[in-house]
Amino acid sequence: MALPVLQNDTWLFHGNSITDYMRRVDPEGWGYGYVRLIAQWLRGRGMTPGNEFPKILNRATSGNTIRVLARDWEADVIASKPQVLSIKIGVNDVWSGLVPGREGTHVPLDEFTATYDRLLTETRVKLPYCKIVLCDPIGIWPPSPSAGNERLAPYCDAIARLAERHKVFAHVKPQAAFLQAKREHPEIDFTADGVHPTPPGDMVLAIAWLRATGLLNKRCEM
């Protein structure tokens, strides 16, 4: 089943810099990463009768961890009353523990899992109609610390368990798509620094999101 696309709906994307992507300087507020690509794809395909288009909100902020999301959840998410909520968080929770001087912002796995679980529970209670999409963080490759992916894996496992527990609409797993893209096109840089996607990387992420939500399949791809 595909995610319904309705004119009067609000779609809210939340997360860290990969979702943020300079949204504050974008007149439409989408940013210049995968959120914009998703919005443009929906608009270009004319997904609903009469070319109606949902309202796209981007509430992500560079550097966010699940701890920061929790602090502002009521204002950033609940107050907006979205019909669709997409969350992509986790890489800063891990990465900050690998960088000297950033250890204080590292979020241990048990805190990450408990906080994420609490936010999803709160959202289910206050926004029972909301369709939730959980996105795994993409990998941490060189030149970032090489231990990143190994430490990130348990956080992705936790997100998978939360997706099952809360029966979310879709669970996006872009890591496999990035690995496949890197194997098939080693000449392309899909991340700028081992963490943040380049434009081709954002396209990989957007396609993974559209496929996981049922909006894109082999039959309708261009």
Foldseek 3Di string as FASTA:
>chain_A
DFDDFDQAFEEEEEEACLQQQPLVPDPLSRHDFLSVVLQVVLQVVLRDPPSRGHRYHYQYYHLDALVVCLVCVCPRPLVVLGQEYEYEHDLSLQLLCVDPPSVVSRDDLVRRLVSVLVSLVVCCVRNVNHAYEYEYAAFFPPVRDHCGRVRSVVNLVSSVVSCVVSVHLFYQYLRVLVVVCCVVCVVDQQADHRHHGDRVVSVSRNVSVCVRNPNDDPVPDD
